[in-house]
């Protein structure tokens, strides 16, 4: 077994993950802060996912940068609102529309504004999504989704069986070079992404609560000042703010105001 900790060119994007066997065709995503203990030789990468937008973009970017990964096992407990498990399933089945919104997805803000269409289509072609997400008892977000939990024994057994099945029928590496995504927003640390997105959502929501009806219905969009530094202006009140991605911030603002 070759350990991926020694591979410097992959993963290309930082995140909350553990690396395992460089030859494994399997990536594992755990919804929320779930804990899953498996032998390192059973997976190439194992990580956590809490959002259906920037977090999912990081998952996709790392997978398409490694042609050896052919299966994505998704497990854990689904969350109300974000529904990242639902987002992965819908992305794999339906792709995105011209606004970069995941088609037929029930998640709150399923926009993948920081990925190229090439990366999204490559993800859909390269990997088979194997779903082990428990949607029967979804927890409320955002107050509870950060709580840690252990994957239950029954789900662990199903995951272990799926790993063996995937290993047995792996088609080998995807027949194309790595697809590398270079969007700067993807390179931010997960905690910074969460902090900035949460701050942006709070600002948008607080402004809505203070707006008179004529301002609330104004269809004015955010204006990008700097793509490089993520600086935008809210033109109604001239508010300047830093965001993870100007495009995603615009989608979030429009979503919260019922404009999208």
Protein backbone atom coordinates (compact mmCIF):
# COMPACT_ATOMS: atom_id res chain seq x y z
CA UNK A 1 0.00 0.00 0.00
CA UNK A 2 1.25 3.50 -0.83
CA UNK A 3 0.11 6.14 1.63
CA UNK A 4 -1.31 9.32 0.10
CA UNK A 5 0.25 11.51 2.80
CA UNK A 6 3.46 11.29 0.74
CA UNK A 7 1.80 12.46 -2.48
CA UNK A 8 2.38 16.21 -2.81
CA UNK A 9 0.26 16.97 -5.86
CA UNK A 10 -3.00 15.57 -4.49
CA UNK A 11 -5.35 16.50 -2.94
CA UNK A 12 -5.23 19.85 -4.68
CA UNK A 13 -7.76 21.50 -2.33
CA UNK A 14 -7.57 21.72 1.47
CA UNK A 15 -10.41 20.36 3.59
CA UNK A 16 -11.49 18.18 6.49
CA UNK A 17 -10.25 14.80 5.33
CA UNK A 18 -7.96 11.85 6.03
CA UNK A 19 -5.80 10.27 3.33
CA UNK A 20 -5.34 6.53 2.88
CA UNK A 21 -4.31 4.18 0.08
CA UNK A 22 -3.12 5.89 -3.12
CA UNK A 23 -4.25 2.89 -5.19
CA UNK A 24 -7.81 2.78 -3.85
CA UNK A 25 -10.65 3.71 -6.24
CA UNK A 26 -12.85 4.84 -3.34
CA UNK A 27 -13.55 8.24 -1.78
CA UNK A 28 -15.79 8.46 1.28
CA UNK A 29 -17.86 11.48 2.33
CA UNK A 30 -19.43 11.65 5.78
CA UNK A 31 -22.30 14.11 6.16
CA UNK A 32 -21.74 16.57 9.02
CA UNK A 33 -19.30 15.72 11.81
CA UNK A 34 -19.78 11.96 11.73
CA UNK A 35 -16.96 9.65 12.78
CA UNK A 36 -16.22 6.56 10.68
CA UNK A 37 -13.34 4.23 11.51
CA UNK A 38 -12.01 2.13 8.62
CA UNK A 39 -8.61 0.63 7.72
CA UNK A 40 -6.65 3.18 5.66
CA UNK A 41 -6.11 0.69 2.83
CA UNK A 42 -9.86 0.67 2.14
CA UNK A 43 -10.08 4.25 0.80
CA UNK A 44 -8.08 6.93 -0.98
CA UNK A 45 -9.64 9.81 0.94
CA UNK A 46 -12.24 10.08 3.69
CA UNK A 47 -13.73 13.44 4.63
CA UNK A 48 -16.65 15.38 6.04
CA UNK A 49 -19.18 17.57 4.25
CA UNK A 50 -21.53 20.09 5.85
CA UNK A 51 -22.59 22.38 2.98
CA UNK A 52 -24.21 21.86 -0.40
CA UNK A 53 -22.22 24.60 -2.13
CA UNK A 54 -18.58 25.51 -1.38
CA UNK A 55 -18.04 22.33 0.65
CA UNK A 56 -19.34 20.17 -2.18
CA UNK A 57 -17.21 22.11 -4.66
CA UNK A 58 -14.11 21.07 -2.72
CA UNK A 59 -15.18 17.41 -2.85
CA UNK A 60 -15.73 17.56 -6.61
CA UNK A 61 -12.45 19.41 -7.24
CA UNK A 62 -10.38 16.85 -5.35
CA UNK A 63 -12.09 13.87 -6.97
CA UNK A 64 -11.65 15.04 -10.57
CA UNK A 65 -7.99 15.79 -9.83
CA UNK A 66 -7.44 12.08 -9.17
CA UNK A 67 -8.47 9.76 -12.05
CA UNK A 68 -7.96 6.70 -9.82
CA UNK A 69 -11.11 7.51 -7.81
CA UNK A 70 -14.12 5.82 -9.41
CA UNK A 71 -16.56 5.52 -6.50
CA UNK A 72 -17.88 8.05 -3.99
CA UNK A 73 -19.47 6.47 -0.91
CA UNK A 74 -21.71 8.94 0.94
CA UNK A 75 -22.81 8.14 4.47
CA UNK A 76 -24.00 9.67 7.74
CA UNK A 77 -27.11 11.59 8.81
CA UNK A 78 -28.76 14.05 6.44
CA UNK A 79 -29.48 17.60 7.61
CA UNK A 80 -32.52 19.82 7.25
CA UNK A 81 -31.83 22.79 4.98
CA UNK A 82 -28.31 22.10 3.71
CA UNK A 83 -29.03 18.48 2.72
CA UNK A 84 -25.53 17.85 1.31
CA UNK A 85 -26.32 14.17 0.74
CA UNK A 86 -29.25 15.14 -1.45
CA UNK A 87 -27.04 17.64 -3.28
CA UNK A 88 -24.46 14.97 -4.18
CA UNK A 89 -27.14 12.59 -5.44
CA UNK A 90 -28.82 15.29 -7.53
CA UNK A 91 -25.52 16.53 -8.94
CA UNK A 92 -24.56 13.05 -10.05
CA UNK A 93 -27.95 12.37 -11.66
CA UNK A 94 -28.92 15.78 -13.02
CA UNK A 95 -25.89 18.08 -13.28
CA UNK A 96 -26.34 21.86 -13.11
CA UNK A 97 -28.34 24.45 -15.04
CA UNK A 98 -26.99 27.62 -16.70
CA UNK A 99 -26.98 29.41 -13.31
CA UNK A 100 -24.75 26.63 -11.87
CA UNK A 101 -27.60 25.48 -9.66
CA UNK A 102 -27.85 21.72 -9.14
CA UNK A 103 -30.93 20.58 -11.04
CA UNK A 104 -33.91 19.13 -9.14
CA UNK A 105 -32.17 19.57 -5.79
CA UNK A 106 -34.01 20.19 -2.51
CA UNK A 107 -31.02 21.72 -0.72
CA UNK A 108 -31.28 25.37 0.32
CA UNK A 109 -28.55 27.02 -1.81
CA UNK A 110 -27.11 24.35 -4.15
CA UNK A 111 -24.98 26.63 -6.34
CA UNK A 112 -21.54 25.47 -7.56
CA UNK A 113 -20.34 28.86 -8.79
CA UNK A 114 -16.64 28.16 -8.27
CA UNK A 115 -16.42 25.06 -10.45
CA UNK A 116 -16.11 24.81 -14.21
CA UNK A 117 -18.70 22.93 -16.23
CA UNK A 118 -15.86 20.67 -17.34
CA UNK A 119 -15.16 19.63 -13.74
CA UNK A 120 -18.83 18.98 -13.03
CA UNK A 121 -19.31 16.81 -16.10
CA UNK A 122 -16.03 15.03 -15.40
CA UNK A 123 -17.26 14.25 -11.85
CA UNK A 124 -20.49 12.80 -13.22
CA UNK A 125 -18.62 10.63 -15.70
CA UNK A 126 -15.75 9.59 -13.46
CA UNK A 127 -17.44 8.43 -10.27
CA UNK A 128 -20.39 6.32 -9.27
CA UNK A 129 -22.13 7.66 -6.16
CA UNK A 130 -23.03 4.96 -3.63
CA UNK A 131 -25.58 6.30 -1.18
CA UNK A 132 -25.65 5.26 2.49
CA UNK A 133 -27.12 8.49 3.88
CA UNK A 134 -29.74 8.14 6.61
CA UNK A 135 -32.54 10.60 5.76
CA UNK A 136 -35.08 9.11 8.17
CA UNK A 137 -34.16 11.33 11.13
CA UNK A 138 -32.74 14.57 9.77
CA UNK A 139 -31.29 17.02 12.27
CA UNK A 140 -31.92 20.74 12.26
CA UNK A 141 -29.17 22.96 10.87
CA UNK A 142 -27.24 25.04 11.70
CA UNK A 143 -27.44 24.64 15.51
CA UNK A 144 -27.03 20.87 15.60
CA UNK A 145 -25.12 19.90 12.49
CA UNK A 146 -21.74 20.66 14.06
CA UNK A 147 -22.33 18.09 16.81
CA UNK A 148 -20.16 15.00 16.48
CA UNK A 149 -21.69 11.56 16.15
CA UNK A 150 -20.53 8.00 15.44
CA UNK A 151 -21.64 6.04 12.39
CA UNK A 152 -23.93 3.29 13.64
CA UNK A 153 -22.88 -0.36 13.41
CA UNK A 154 -25.52 -1.27 10.83
CA UNK A 155 -24.46 1.52 8.49
CA UNK A 156 -20.79 0.62 9.01
CA UNK A 157 -21.51 -2.94 7.89
CA UNK A 158 -23.25 -1.69 4.74
CA UNK A 159 -20.33 0.60 3.98
CA UNK A 160 -17.82 -2.20 4.42
CA UNK A 161 -19.80 -4.42 2.03
CA UNK A 162 -20.00 -1.62 -0.52
CA UNK A 163 -16.26 -1.06 -0.35
CA UNK A 164 -15.58 -4.72 -1.14
CA UNK A 165 -18.09 -4.65 -4.00
CA UNK A 166 -16.61 -1.48 -5.48
CA UNK A 167 -13.07 -2.82 -5.25
CA UNK A 168 -14.14 -6.00 -7.03
CA UNK A 169 -15.74 -4.18 -9.97
CA UNK A 170 -13.50 -1.14 -10.27
CA UNK A 171 -12.97 -0.29 -13.96
CA UNK A 172 -9.51 1.14 -13.32
CA UNK A 173 -8.42 4.80 -13.56
CA UNK A 174 -10.57 7.18 -15.56
CA UNK A 175 -9.06 7.41 -19.09
CA UNK A 176 -8.16 11.10 -18.99
CA UNK A 177 -5.59 13.32 -17.27
CA UNK A 178 -6.39 14.93 -13.90
CA UNK A 179 -8.84 17.84 -14.12
CA UNK A 180 -7.39 20.66 -11.99
CA UNK A 181 -9.60 23.48 -10.69
CA UNK A 182 -7.76 26.70 -9.81
CA UNK A 183 -10.50 28.94 -8.44
CA UNK A 184 -9.09 30.80 -5.43
CA UNK A 185 -12.33 30.42 -3.43
CA UNK A 186 -11.76 26.66 -3.32
CA UNK A 187 -8.42 27.11 -1.60
CA UNK A 188 -9.79 28.81 1.51
CA UNK A 189 -9.72 26.73 4.69
CA UNK A 190 -13.08 25.23 5.61
CA UNK A 191 -13.40 27.24 8.84
CA UNK A 192 -12.80 30.50 6.96
CA UNK A 193 -15.36 29.53 4.33
CA UNK A 194 -17.97 28.80 7.01
CA UNK A 195 -17.20 32.02 8.89
CA UNK A 196 -17.37 34.29 5.85
CA UNK A 197 -20.50 32.64 4.42
CA UNK A 198 -22.24 32.79 7.79
CA UNK A 199 -21.31 36.45 8.16
CA UNK A 200 -22.62 37.24 4.66
CA UNK A 201 -25.91 35.45 5.31
CA UNK A 202 -26.33 37.32 8.62
CA UNK A 203 -25.72 40.67 6.90
CA UNK A 204 -28.20 39.92 4.12
CA UNK A 205 -30.84 38.69 6.58
CA UNK A 206 -30.45 41.60 9.00
CA UNK A 207 -30.74 44.08 6.13
CA UNK A 208 -33.94 42.39 4.97
CA UNK A 209 -35.48 42.73 8.44
CA UNK A 210 -34.78 46.48 8.41
CA UNK A 211 -35.84 47.13 4.81
CA UNK A 212 -39.11 48.87 3.98
CA UNK A 213 -41.17 46.96 1.45
CA UNK A 214 -40.07 49.08 -1.52
CA UNK A 215 -36.41 48.30 -0.85
CA UNK A 216 -37.03 44.63 -0.13
CA UNK A 217 -38.61 44.19 -3.55
CA UNK A 218 -35.77 45.98 -5.34
CA UNK A 219 -34.15 43.53 -7.75
CA UNK A 220 -30.70 45.16 -7.50
CA UNK A 221 -27.87 42.62 -7.43
CA UNK A 222 -24.51 42.75 -5.68
CA UNK A 223 -21.71 44.52 -7.54
CA UNK A 224 -18.29 42.87 -7.64
CA UNK A 225 -15.39 45.19 -6.82
CA UNK A 226 -12.59 42.58 -6.73
CA UNK A 227 -12.78 38.93 -7.76
CA UNK A 228 -9.28 38.34 -6.37
CA UNK A 229 -10.06 39.56 -2.86
CA UNK A 230 -13.77 38.70 -2.82
CA UNK A 231 -15.00 42.27 -2.31
CA UNK A 232 -18.58 43.16 -3.25
CA UNK A 233 -20.90 46.14 -2.76
CA UNK A 234 -24.58 45.93 -1.87
CA UNK A 235 -25.77 48.87 -4.00
CA UNK A 236 -29.04 49.70 -2.19
CA UNK A 237 -27.20 50.89 0.93
CA UNK A 238 -23.63 51.00 -0.43
CA UNK A 239 -22.47 48.29 1.97
CA UNK A 240 -19.00 46.87 1.21
CA UNK A 241 -18.20 43.32 2.35
CA UNK A 242 -15.79 40.43 1.84
CA UNK A 243 -17.23 37.15 0.57
CA UNK A 244 -15.85 33.73 -0.34
CA UNK A 245 -17.09 34.01 -3.91
CA UNK A 246 -18.82 37.07 -5.45
CA UNK A 247 -20.90 34.82 -7.68
CA UNK A 248 -22.03 32.62 -4.79
CA UNK A 249 -22.73 35.66 -2.58
CA UNK A 250 -24.97 37.04 -5.32
CA UNK A 251 -26.85 33.74 -5.48
CA UNK A 252 -27.19 33.63 -1.68
CA UNK A 253 -28.46 37.22 -1.54
CA UNK A 254 -30.97 36.57 -4.30
CA UNK A 255 -32.14 33.35 -2.64
CA UNK A 256 -32.71 35.04 0.74
CA UNK A 257 -34.65 37.87 -0.92
CA UNK A 258 -36.75 35.54 -3.06
CA UNK A 259 -35.26 36.86 -6.31
CA UNK A 260 -33.77 33.59 -7.55
